[in-house]
Amino acid sequence: VVVALGAFGWGGALEALDGAGVAVPHPGPKFGHGVEVEM
Protein backbone atom coordinates (compact mmCIF):
# COMPACT_ATOMS: atom_id res chain seq x y z
CA VAL A 1 0.00 0.00 0.00
CA VAL A 2 1.20 3.50 -0.83
CA VAL A 3 -0.54 6.38 0.96
CA ALA A 4 -0.08 9.63 -0.97
CA LEU A 5 -0.47 12.87 0.99
CA GLY A 6 -1.93 15.48 -1.33
CA ALA A 7 -1.82 15.76 -5.10
CA PHE A 8 1.94 16.40 -5.16
CA GLY A 9 2.63 13.21 -3.21
CA TRP A 10 0.15 11.35 -5.43
CA GLY A 11 1.96 12.40 -8.60
CA GLY A 12 5.34 11.46 -7.15
CA ALA A 13 4.07 8.08 -6.01
CA LEU A 14 2.62 7.27 -9.44
CA GLU A 15 5.82 8.31 -11.19
CA ALA A 16 8.01 6.27 -8.86
CA LEU A 17 5.77 3.20 -9.04
CA ASP A 18 5.71 3.42 -12.83
CA GLY A 19 9.50 3.56 -12.92
CA ALA A 20 9.71 0.52 -10.63
CA GLY A 21 7.69 -1.65 -12.99
CA VAL A 22 4.21 -1.29 -11.52
CA ALA A 23 1.43 -1.26 -14.14
CA VAL A 24 0.31 2.35 -13.62
CA PRO A 25 -2.72 3.37 -15.71
CA HIS A 26 -2.11 5.99 -18.40
CA PRO A 27 -3.31 8.64 -18.22
CA GLY A 28 -2.71 8.53 -14.48
CA PRO A 29 -5.67 8.42 -12.09
CA LYS A 30 -6.68 11.70 -10.46
CA PHE A 31 -5.97 12.38 -6.80
CA GLY A 32 -8.79 12.43 -4.27
CA HIS A 33 -9.11 11.78 -0.57
CA GLY A 34 -9.89 8.12 -0.06
CA VAL A 35 -9.42 7.27 -3.75
CA GLU A 36 -7.93 3.79 -4.21
CA VAL A 37 -6.13 2.48 -7.28
CA GLU A 38 -5.04 -1.15 -7.34
CA MET A 39 -2.17 -1.90 -9.69
PDB file of all heavy atoms in Angstrom:
ATOM      1  N   VAL A   1       0.854  -1.193   0.000  1.00  0.00           N
ATOM      2  CA  VAL A   1       0.000   0.000   0.000  1.00  0.00           C
ATOM      3  C   VAL A   1       0.885   1.237   0.000  1.00  0.00           C
ATOM      4  O   VAL A   1       1.867   1.304   0.748  1.00  0.00           O
ATOM      5  CB  VAL A   1      -0.923   0.039   1.236  1.00  0.00           C
ATOM      6  CG1 VAL A   1      -1.852   1.253   1.156  1.00  0.00           C
ATOM      7  CG2 VAL A   1      -1.720  -1.243   1.361  1.00  0.00           C
ATOM      8  N   VAL A   2       0.546   2.204  -0.836  1.00  0.00           N
ATOM      9  CA  VAL A   2       1.203   3.504  -0.828  1.00  0.00           C
ATOM     10  C   VAL A   2       0.146   4.551  -0.502  1.00  0.00           C
ATOM     11  O   VAL A   2      -0.861   4.660  -1.209  1.00  0.00           O
ATOM     12  CB  VAL A   2       1.858   3.816  -2.182  1.00  0.00           C
ATOM     13  CG1 VAL A   2       2.497   5.200  -2.168  1.00  0.00           C
ATOM     14  CG2 VAL A   2       2.896   2.757  -2.535  1.00  0.00           C
ATOM     15  N   VAL A   3       0.357   5.295   0.587  1.00  0.00           N
ATOM     16  CA  VAL A   3      -0.544   6.381   0.961  1.00  0.00           C
ATOM     17  C   VAL A   3       0.090   7.687   0.503  1.00  0.00           C
ATOM     18  O   VAL A   3       1.180   8.050   0.950  1.00  0.00           O
ATOM     19  CB  VAL A   3      -0.794   6.418   2.481  1.00  0.00           C
ATOM     20  CG1 VAL A   3      -1.675   7.614   2.846  1.00  0.00           C
ATOM     21  CG2 VAL A   3      -1.437   5.117   2.951  1.00  0.00           C
ATOM     22  N   ALA A   4      -0.589   8.375  -0.415  1.00  0.00           N
ATOM     23  CA  ALA A   4      -0.075   9.625  -0.970  1.00  0.00           C
ATOM     24  C   ALA A   4      -0.758  10.798  -0.283  1.00  0.00           C
ATOM     25  O   ALA A   4      -1.991  10.893  -0.273  1.00  0.00           O
ATOM     26  CB  ALA A   4      -0.325   9.685  -2.473  1.00  0.00           C
ATOM     27  N   LEU A   5       0.053  11.698   0.292  1.00  0.00           N
ATOM     28  CA  LEU A   5      -0.468  12.870   0.988  1.00  0.00           C
ATOM     29  C   LEU A   5      -0.534  14.042   0.009  1.00  0.00           C
ATOM     30  O   LEU A   5       0.490  14.611  -0.357  1.00  0.00           O
ATOM     31  CB  LEU A   5       0.425  13.213   2.182  1.00  0.00           C
ATOM     32  CG  LEU A   5       0.607  12.103   3.217  1.00  0.00           C
ATOM     33  CD1 LEU A   5       1.548  12.549   4.319  1.00  0.00           C
ATOM     34  CD2 LEU A   5      -0.727  11.654   3.793  1.00  0.00           C
ATOM     35  N   GLY A   6      -1.731  14.371  -0.417  1.00  0.00           N
ATOM     36  CA  GLY A   6      -1.931  15.477  -1.333  1.00  0.00           C
ATOM     37  C   GLY A   6      -1.620  15.116  -2.772  1.00  0.00           C
ATOM     38  O   GLY A   6      -1.057  14.057  -3.076  1.00  0.00           O
ATOM     39  N   ALA A   7      -1.990  16.019  -3.677  1.00  0.00           N
ATOM     40  CA  ALA A   7      -1.819  15.763  -5.103  1.00  0.00           C
ATOM     41  C   ALA A   7      -0.352  15.678  -5.498  1.00  0.00           C
ATOM     42  O   ALA A   7       0.014  14.914  -6.405  1.00  0.00           O
ATOM     43  CB  ALA A   7      -2.514  16.864  -5.905  1.00  0.00           C
ATOM     44  N   PHE A   8       0.516  16.440  -4.821  1.00  0.00           N
ATOM     45  CA  PHE A   8       1.938  16.397  -5.156  1.00  0.00           C
ATOM     46  C   PHE A   8       2.533  15.039  -4.780  1.00  0.00           C
ATOM     47  O   PHE A   8       3.287  14.440  -5.551  1.00  0.00           O
ATOM     48  CB  PHE A   8       2.673  17.524  -4.431  1.00  0.00           C
ATOM     49  CG  PHE A   8       4.062  17.782  -4.945  1.00  0.00           C
ATOM     50  CD1 PHE A   8       4.278  18.604  -6.033  1.00  0.00           C
ATOM     51  CD2 PHE A   8       5.154  17.207  -4.325  1.00  0.00           C
ATOM     52  CE1 PHE A   8       5.568  18.841  -6.515  1.00  0.00           C
ATOM     53  CE2 PHE A   8       6.440  17.439  -4.786  1.00  0.00           C
ATOM     54  CZ  PHE A   8       6.653  18.261  -5.889  1.00  0.00           C
ATOM     55  N   GLY A   9       2.184  14.537  -3.599  1.00  0.00           N
ATOM     56  CA  GLY A   9       2.633  13.206  -3.207  1.00  0.00           C
ATOM     57  C   GLY A   9       2.064  12.130  -4.108  1.00  0.00           C
ATOM     58  O   GLY A   9       2.751  11.149  -4.448  1.00  0.00           O
ATOM     59  N   TRP A  10       0.815  12.299  -4.526  1.00  0.00           N
ATOM     60  CA  TRP A  10       0.149  11.350  -5.431  1.00  0.00           C
ATOM     61  C   TRP A  10       0.902  11.259  -6.762  1.00  0.00           C
ATOM     62  O   TRP A  10       1.197  10.162  -7.252  1.00  0.00           O
ATOM     63  CB  TRP A  10      -1.285  11.814  -5.646  1.00  0.00           C
ATOM     64  CG  TRP A  10      -2.159  11.008  -6.548  1.00  0.00           C
ATOM     65  CD1 TRP A  10      -2.327  11.175  -7.892  1.00  0.00           C
ATOM     66  CD2 TRP A  10      -3.035   9.934  -6.170  1.00  0.00           C
ATOM     67  NE1 TRP A  10      -3.253  10.284  -8.368  1.00  0.00           N
ATOM     68  CE2 TRP A  10      -3.712   9.507  -7.337  1.00  0.00           C
ATOM     69  CE3 TRP A  10      -3.338   9.305  -4.959  1.00  0.00           C
ATOM     70  CZ2 TRP A  10      -4.656   8.482  -7.334  1.00  0.00           C
ATOM     71  CZ3 TRP A  10      -4.277   8.288  -4.948  1.00  0.00           C
ATOM     72  CH2 TRP A  10      -4.920   7.870  -6.117  1.00  0.00           C
ATOM     73  N   GLY A  11       1.237  12.409  -7.336  1.00  0.00           N
ATOM     74  CA  GLY A  11       1.963  12.402  -8.597  1.00  0.00           C
ATOM     75  C   GLY A  11       3.338  11.766  -8.465  1.00  0.00           C
ATOM     76  O   GLY A  11       3.774  11.007  -9.338  1.00  0.00           O
ATOM     77  N   GLY A  12       4.026  12.055  -7.368  1.00  0.00           N
ATOM     78  CA  GLY A  12       5.335  11.459  -7.152  1.00  0.00           C
ATOM     79  C   GLY A  12       5.265   9.962  -6.950  1.00  0.00           C
ATOM     80  O   GLY A  12       6.129   9.215  -7.430  1.00  0.00           O
ATOM     81  N   ALA A  13       4.233   9.510  -6.232  1.00  0.00           N
ATOM     82  CA  ALA A  13       4.067   8.077  -6.014  1.00  0.00           C
ATOM     83  C   ALA A  13       3.798   7.354  -7.330  1.00  0.00           C
ATOM     84  O   ALA A  13       4.392   6.301  -7.609  1.00  0.00           O
ATOM     85  CB  ALA A  13       2.927   7.828  -5.023  1.00  0.00           C
ATOM     86  N   LEU A  14       2.914   7.898  -8.156  1.00  0.00           N
ATOM     87  CA  LEU A  14       2.618   7.265  -9.442  1.00  0.00           C
ATOM     88  C   LEU A  14       3.860   7.195 -10.329  1.00  0.00           C
ATOM     89  O   LEU A  14       4.138   6.164 -10.948  1.00  0.00           O
ATOM     90  CB  LEU A  14       1.514   8.046 -10.157  1.00  0.00           C
ATOM     91  CG  LEU A  14       0.090   7.841  -9.657  1.00  0.00           C
ATOM     92  CD1 LEU A  14      -0.840   8.866 -10.288  1.00  0.00           C
ATOM     93  CD2 LEU A  14      -0.400   6.419  -9.946  1.00  0.00           C
ATOM     94  N   GLU A  15       4.607   8.277 -10.358  1.00  0.00           N
ATOM     95  CA  GLU A  15       5.816   8.312 -11.192  1.00  0.00           C
ATOM     96  C   GLU A  15       6.835   7.280 -10.721  1.00  0.00           C
ATOM     97  O   GLU A  15       7.434   6.559 -11.528  1.00  0.00           O
ATOM     98  CB  GLU A  15       6.410   9.716 -11.143  1.00  0.00           C
ATOM     99  CG  GLU A  15       7.588   9.935 -12.051  1.00  0.00           C
ATOM    100  CD  GLU A  15       8.089  11.372 -11.972  1.00  0.00           C
ATOM    101  OE1 GLU A  15       8.920  11.657 -11.083  1.00  0.00           O
ATOM    102  OE2 GLU A  15       7.627  12.199 -12.774  1.00  0.00           O
ATOM    103  N   ALA A  16       7.034   7.205  -9.399  1.00  0.00           N
ATOM    104  CA  ALA A  16       8.010   6.266  -8.859  1.00  0.00           C
ATOM    105  C   ALA A  16       7.563   4.826  -9.047  1.00  0.00           C
ATOM    106  O   ALA A  16       8.365   3.942  -9.376  1.00  0.00           O
ATOM    107  CB  ALA A  16       8.259   6.566  -7.386  1.00  0.00           C
ATOM    108  N   LEU A  17       6.281   4.555  -8.841  1.00  0.00           N
ATOM    109  CA  LEU A  17       5.766   3.196  -9.039  1.00  0.00           C
ATOM    110  C   LEU A  17       5.891   2.784 -10.502  1.00  0.00           C
ATOM    111  O   LEU A  17       6.262   1.643 -10.814  1.00  0.00           O
ATOM    112  CB  LEU A  17       4.307   3.125  -8.583  1.00  0.00           C
ATOM    113  CG  LEU A  17       4.078   3.205  -7.073  1.00  0.00           C
ATOM    114  CD1 LEU A  17       2.606   3.447  -6.776  1.00  0.00           C
ATOM    115  CD2 LEU A  17       4.566   1.937  -6.367  1.00  0.00           C
ATOM    116  N   ASP A  18       5.587   3.699 -11.398  1.00  0.00           N
ATOM    117  CA  ASP A  18       5.713   3.424 -12.827  1.00  0.00           C
ATOM    118  C   ASP A  18       7.155   3.046 -13.168  1.00  0.00           C
ATOM    119  O   ASP A  18       7.421   2.057 -13.863  1.00  0.00           O
ATOM    120  CB  ASP A  18       5.274   4.657 -13.606  1.00  0.00           C
ATOM    121  CG  ASP A  18       5.031   4.378 -15.080  1.00  0.00           C
ATOM    122  OD1 ASP A  18       4.968   3.190 -15.470  1.00  0.00           O
ATOM    123  OD2 ASP A  18       4.906   5.343 -15.843  1.00  0.00           O
ATOM    124  N   GLY A  19       8.092   3.832 -12.648  1.00  0.00           N
ATOM    125  CA  GLY A  19       9.496   3.564 -12.923  1.00  0.00           C
ATOM    126  C   GLY A  19       9.998   2.263 -12.331  1.00  0.00           C
ATOM    127  O   GLY A  19      10.989   1.698 -12.807  1.00  0.00           O
ATOM    128  N   ALA A  20       9.311   1.769 -11.285  1.00  0.00           N
ATOM    129  CA  ALA A  20       9.713   0.519 -10.628  1.00  0.00           C
ATOM    130  C   ALA A  20       9.049  -0.705 -11.241  1.00  0.00           C
ATOM    131  O   ALA A  20       9.205  -1.812 -10.725  1.00  0.00           O
ATOM    132  CB  ALA A  20       9.395   0.595  -9.141  1.00  0.00           C
ATOM    133  N   GLY A  21       8.287  -0.511 -12.306  1.00  0.00           N
ATOM    134  CA  GLY A  21       7.691  -1.648 -12.992  1.00  0.00           C
ATOM    135  C   GLY A  21       6.272  -1.968 -12.605  1.00  0.00           C
ATOM    136  O   GLY A  21       5.738  -3.007 -13.017  1.00  0.00           O
ATOM    137  N   VAL A  22       5.617  -1.101 -11.848  1.00  0.00           N
ATOM    138  CA  VAL A  22       4.207  -1.290 -11.521  1.00  0.00           C
ATOM    139  C   VAL A  22       3.368  -0.845 -12.726  1.00  0.00           C
ATOM    140  O   VAL A  22       3.694   0.141 -13.399  1.00  0.00           O
ATOM    141  CB  VAL A  22       3.822  -0.487 -10.265  1.00  0.00           C
ATOM    142  CG1 VAL A  22       2.321  -0.554 -10.002  1.00  0.00           C
ATOM    143  CG2 VAL A  22       4.597  -1.019  -9.056  1.00  0.00           C
ATOM    144  N   ALA A  23       2.288  -1.567 -12.985  1.00  0.00           N
ATOM    145  CA  ALA A  23       1.431  -1.264 -14.137  1.00  0.00           C
ATOM    146  C   ALA A  23       0.514  -0.089 -13.811  1.00  0.00           C
ATOM    147  O   ALA A  23      -0.665  -0.252 -13.476  1.00  0.00           O
ATOM    148  CB  ALA A  23       0.615  -2.495 -14.528  1.00  0.00           C
ATOM    149  N   VAL A  24       1.062   1.125 -13.914  1.00  0.00           N
ATOM    150  CA  VAL A  24       0.309   2.348 -13.618  1.00  0.00           C
ATOM    151  C   VAL A  24      -0.563   2.703 -14.813  1.00  0.00           C
ATOM    152  O   VAL A  24      -0.090   2.708 -15.953  1.00  0.00           O
ATOM    153  CB  VAL A  24       1.277   3.505 -13.299  1.00  0.00           C
ATOM    154  CG1 VAL A  24       0.526   4.827 -13.167  1.00  0.00           C
ATOM    155  CG2 VAL A  24       2.069   3.205 -12.033  1.00  0.00           C
ATOM    156  N   PRO A  25      -1.855   2.993 -14.585  1.00  0.00           N
ATOM    157  CA  PRO A  25      -2.721   3.373 -15.707  1.00  0.00           C
ATOM    158  C   PRO A  25      -2.243   4.662 -16.361  1.00  0.00           C
ATOM    159  O   PRO A  25      -1.724   5.563 -15.704  1.00  0.00           O
ATOM    160  CB  PRO A  25      -4.100   3.588 -15.048  1.00  0.00           C
ATOM    161  CG  PRO A  25      -4.017   2.897 -13.726  1.00  0.00           C
ATOM    162  CD  PRO A  25      -2.589   2.956 -13.305  1.00  0.00           C
ATOM    163  N   HIS A  26      -2.430   4.774 -17.654  1.00  0.00           N
ATOM    164  CA  HIS A  26      -2.105   5.987 -18.401  1.00  0.00           C
ATOM    165  C   HIS A  26      -3.309   6.364 -19.253  1.00  0.00           C
ATOM    166  O   HIS A  26      -3.787   5.538 -20.024  1.00  0.00           O
ATOM    167  CB  HIS A  26      -0.872   5.766 -19.282  1.00  0.00           C
ATOM    168  CG  HIS A  26       0.382   5.562 -18.508  1.00  0.00           C
ATOM    169  ND1 HIS A  26       1.104   6.587 -17.944  1.00  0.00           N
ATOM    170  CD2 HIS A  26       1.064   4.424 -18.174  1.00  0.00           C
ATOM    171  CE1 HIS A  26       2.167   6.105 -17.324  1.00  0.00           C
ATOM    172  NE2 HIS A  26       2.161   4.785 -17.444  1.00  0.00           N
ATOM    173  N   PRO A  27      -3.808   7.594 -19.104  1.00  0.00           N
ATOM    174  CA  PRO A  27      -3.315   8.643 -18.215  1.00  0.00           C
ATOM    175  C   PRO A  27      -3.495   8.267 -16.748  1.00  0.00           C
ATOM    176  O   PRO A  27      -4.349   7.446 -16.396  1.00  0.00           O
ATOM    177  CB  PRO A  27      -4.166   9.861 -18.589  1.00  0.00           C
ATOM    178  CG  PRO A  27      -5.426   9.283 -19.144  1.00  0.00           C
ATOM    179  CD  PRO A  27      -5.016   8.025 -19.854  1.00  0.00           C
ATOM    180  N   GLY A  28      -2.689   8.874 -15.891  1.00  0.00           N
ATOM    181  CA  GLY A  28      -2.709   8.535 -14.476  1.00  0.00           C
ATOM    182  C   GLY A  28      -4.018   8.895 -13.810  1.00  0.00           C
ATOM    183  O   GLY A  28      -4.681   9.876 -14.188  1.00  0.00           O
ATOM    184  N   PRO A  29      -4.440   8.117 -12.819  1.00  0.00           N
ATOM    185  CA  PRO A  29      -5.675   8.417 -12.088  1.00  0.00           C
ATOM    186  C   PRO A  29      -5.554   9.714 -11.303  1.00  0.00           C
ATOM    187  O   PRO A  29      -4.464  10.080 -10.851  1.00  0.00           O
ATOM    188  CB  PRO A  29      -5.823   7.209 -11.156  1.00  0.00           C
ATOM    189  CG  PRO A  29      -4.442   6.649 -11.029  1.00  0.00           C
ATOM    190  CD  PRO A  29      -3.763   6.914 -12.329  1.00  0.00           C
ATOM    191  N   LYS A  30      -6.669  10.409 -11.160  1.00  0.00           N
ATOM    192  CA  LYS A  30      -6.684  11.696 -10.461  1.00  0.00           C
ATOM    193  C   LYS A  30      -6.683  11.484  -8.945  1.00  0.00           C
ATOM    194  O   LYS A  30      -7.291  10.559  -8.424  1.00  0.00           O
ATOM    195  CB  LYS A  30      -7.899  12.515 -10.876  1.00  0.00           C
ATOM    196  CG  LYS A  30      -7.845  13.001 -12.317  1.00  0.00           C
ATOM    197  CD  LYS A  30      -9.027  13.904 -12.639  1.00  0.00           C
ATOM    198  CE  LYS A  30      -8.944  14.424 -14.071  1.00  0.00           C
ATOM    199  NZ  LYS A  30     -10.093  15.313 -14.402  1.00  0.00           N
ATOM    200  N   PHE A  31      -6.013  12.408  -8.252  1.00  0.00           N
ATOM    201  CA  PHE A  31      -5.969  12.383  -6.802  1.00  0.00           C
ATOM    202  C   PHE A  31      -7.321  12.719  -6.194  1.00  0.00           C
ATOM    203  O   PHE A  31      -8.059  13.556  -6.696  1.00  0.00           O
ATOM    204  CB  PHE A  31      -4.930  13.391  -6.289  1.00  0.00           C
ATOM    205  CG  PHE A  31      -5.016  13.617  -4.796  1.00  0.00           C
ATOM    206  CD1 PHE A  31      -4.510  12.677  -3.917  1.00  0.00           C
ATOM    207  CD2 PHE A  31      -5.626  14.754  -4.282  1.00  0.00           C
ATOM    208  CE1 PHE A  31      -4.593  12.866  -2.541  1.00  0.00           C
ATOM    209  CE2 PHE A  31      -5.717  14.961  -2.918  1.00  0.00           C
ATOM    210  CZ  PHE A  31      -5.198  14.012  -2.043  1.00  0.00           C
ATOM    211  N   GLY A  32      -7.635  12.089  -5.092  1.00  0.00           N
ATOM    212  CA  GLY A  32      -8.787  12.427  -4.270  1.00  0.00           C
ATOM    213  C   GLY A  32      -8.639  11.772  -2.915  1.00  0.00           C
ATOM    214  O   GLY A  32      -8.017  10.706  -2.789  1.00  0.00           O
ATOM    215  N   HIS A  33      -9.189  12.386  -1.896  1.00  0.00           N
ATOM    216  CA  HIS A  33      -9.111  11.783  -0.567  1.00  0.00           C
ATOM    217  C   HIS A  33      -9.910  10.481  -0.541  1.00  0.00           C
ATOM    218  O   HIS A  33     -11.089  10.451  -0.918  1.00  0.00           O
ATOM    219  CB  HIS A  33      -9.659  12.729   0.498  1.00  0.00           C
ATOM    220  CG  HIS A  33      -9.529  12.162   1.881  1.00  0.00           C
ATOM    221  ND1 HIS A  33      -8.370  12.259   2.615  1.00  0.00           N
ATOM    222  CD2 HIS A  33     -10.419  11.468   2.651  1.00  0.00           C
ATOM    223  CE1 HIS A  33      -8.544  11.637   3.781  1.00  0.00           C
ATOM    224  NE2 HIS A  33      -9.766  11.159   3.818  1.00  0.00           N
ATOM    225  N   GLY A  34      -9.253   9.415  -0.123  1.00  0.00           N
ATOM    226  CA  GLY A  34      -9.893   8.116  -0.058  1.00  0.00           C
ATOM    227  C   GLY A  34      -9.937   7.356  -1.369  1.00  0.00           C
ATOM    228  O   GLY A  34     -10.385   6.213  -1.396  1.00  0.00           O
ATOM    229  N   VAL A  35      -9.461   7.966  -2.458  1.00  0.00           N
ATOM    230  CA  VAL A  35      -9.421   7.265  -3.746  1.00  0.00           C
ATOM    231  C   VAL A  35      -8.419   6.114  -3.659  1.00  0.00           C
ATOM    232  O   VAL A  35      -7.329   6.260  -3.107  1.00  0.00           O
ATOM    233  CB  VAL A  35      -9.025   8.227  -4.878  1.00  0.00           C
ATOM    234  CG1 VAL A  35      -8.740   7.467  -6.165  1.00  0.00           C
ATOM    235  CG2 VAL A  35     -10.129   9.259  -5.103  1.00  0.00           C
ATOM    236  N   GLU A  36      -8.799   4.960  -4.193  1.00  0.00           N
ATOM    237  CA  GLU A  36      -7.926   3.789  -4.211  1.00  0.00           C
ATOM    238  C   GLU A  36      -7.711   3.332  -5.651  1.00  0.00           C
ATOM    239  O   GLU A  36      -8.664   3.285  -6.433  1.00  0.00           O
ATOM    240  CB  GLU A  36      -8.539   2.626  -3.417  1.00  0.00           C
ATOM    241  CG  GLU A  36      -8.675   2.892  -1.940  1.00  0.00           C
ATOM    242  CD  GLU A  36      -9.226   1.690  -1.187  1.00  0.00           C
ATOM    243  OE1 GLU A  36      -9.233   0.560  -1.753  1.00  0.00           O
ATOM    244  OE2 GLU A  36      -9.658   1.859  -0.035  1.00  0.00           O
ATOM    245  N   VAL A  37      -6.472   3.009  -5.963  1.00  0.00           N
ATOM    246  CA  VAL A  37      -6.134   2.476  -7.279  1.00  0.00           C
ATOM    247  C   VAL A  37      -5.288   1.230  -7.067  1.00  0.00           C
ATOM    248  O   VAL A  37      -4.172   1.321  -6.545  1.00  0.00           O
ATOM    249  CB  VAL A  37      -5.360   3.497  -8.130  1.00  0.00           C
ATOM    250  CG1 VAL A  37      -5.056   2.912  -9.511  1.00  0.00           C
ATOM    251  CG2 VAL A  37      -6.137   4.799  -8.262  1.00  0.00           C
ATOM    252  N   GLU A  38      -5.814   0.077  -7.450  1.00  0.00           N
ATOM    253  CA  GLU A  38      -5.038  -1.152  -7.338  1.00  0.00           C
ATOM    254  C   GLU A  38      -4.299  -1.399  -8.645  1.00  0.00           C
ATOM    255  O   GLU A  38      -4.883  -1.318  -9.724  1.00  0.00           O
ATOM    256  CB  GLU A  38      -5.921  -2.354  -7.009  1.00  0.00           C
ATOM    257  CG  GLU A  38      -5.109  -3.635  -6.810  1.00  0.00           C
ATOM    258  CD  GLU A  38      -5.956  -4.823  -6.387  1.00  0.00           C
ATOM    259  OE1 GLU A  38      -6.902  -4.632  -5.594  1.00  0.00           O
ATOM    260  OE2 GLU A  38      -5.661  -5.943  -6.858  1.00  0.00           O
ATOM    261  N   MET A  39      -3.021  -1.690  -8.519  1.00  0.00           N
ATOM    262  CA  MET A  39      -2.166  -1.904  -9.691  1.00  0.00           C
ATOM    263  C   MET A  39      -1.380  -3.192  -9.514  1.00  0.00           C
ATOM    264  O   MET A  39      -1.152  -3.650  -8.393  1.00  0.00           O
ATOM    265  CB  MET A  39      -1.206  -0.719  -9.850  1.00  0.00           C
ATOM    266  CG  MET A  39      -1.898   0.596 -10.150  1.00  0.00           C
ATOM    267  SD  MET A  39      -0.818   2.055  -9.932  1.00  0.00           S
ATOM    268  CE  MET A  39      -0.882   2.247  -8.152  1.00  0.00           C
TER     269      MET A  39
END
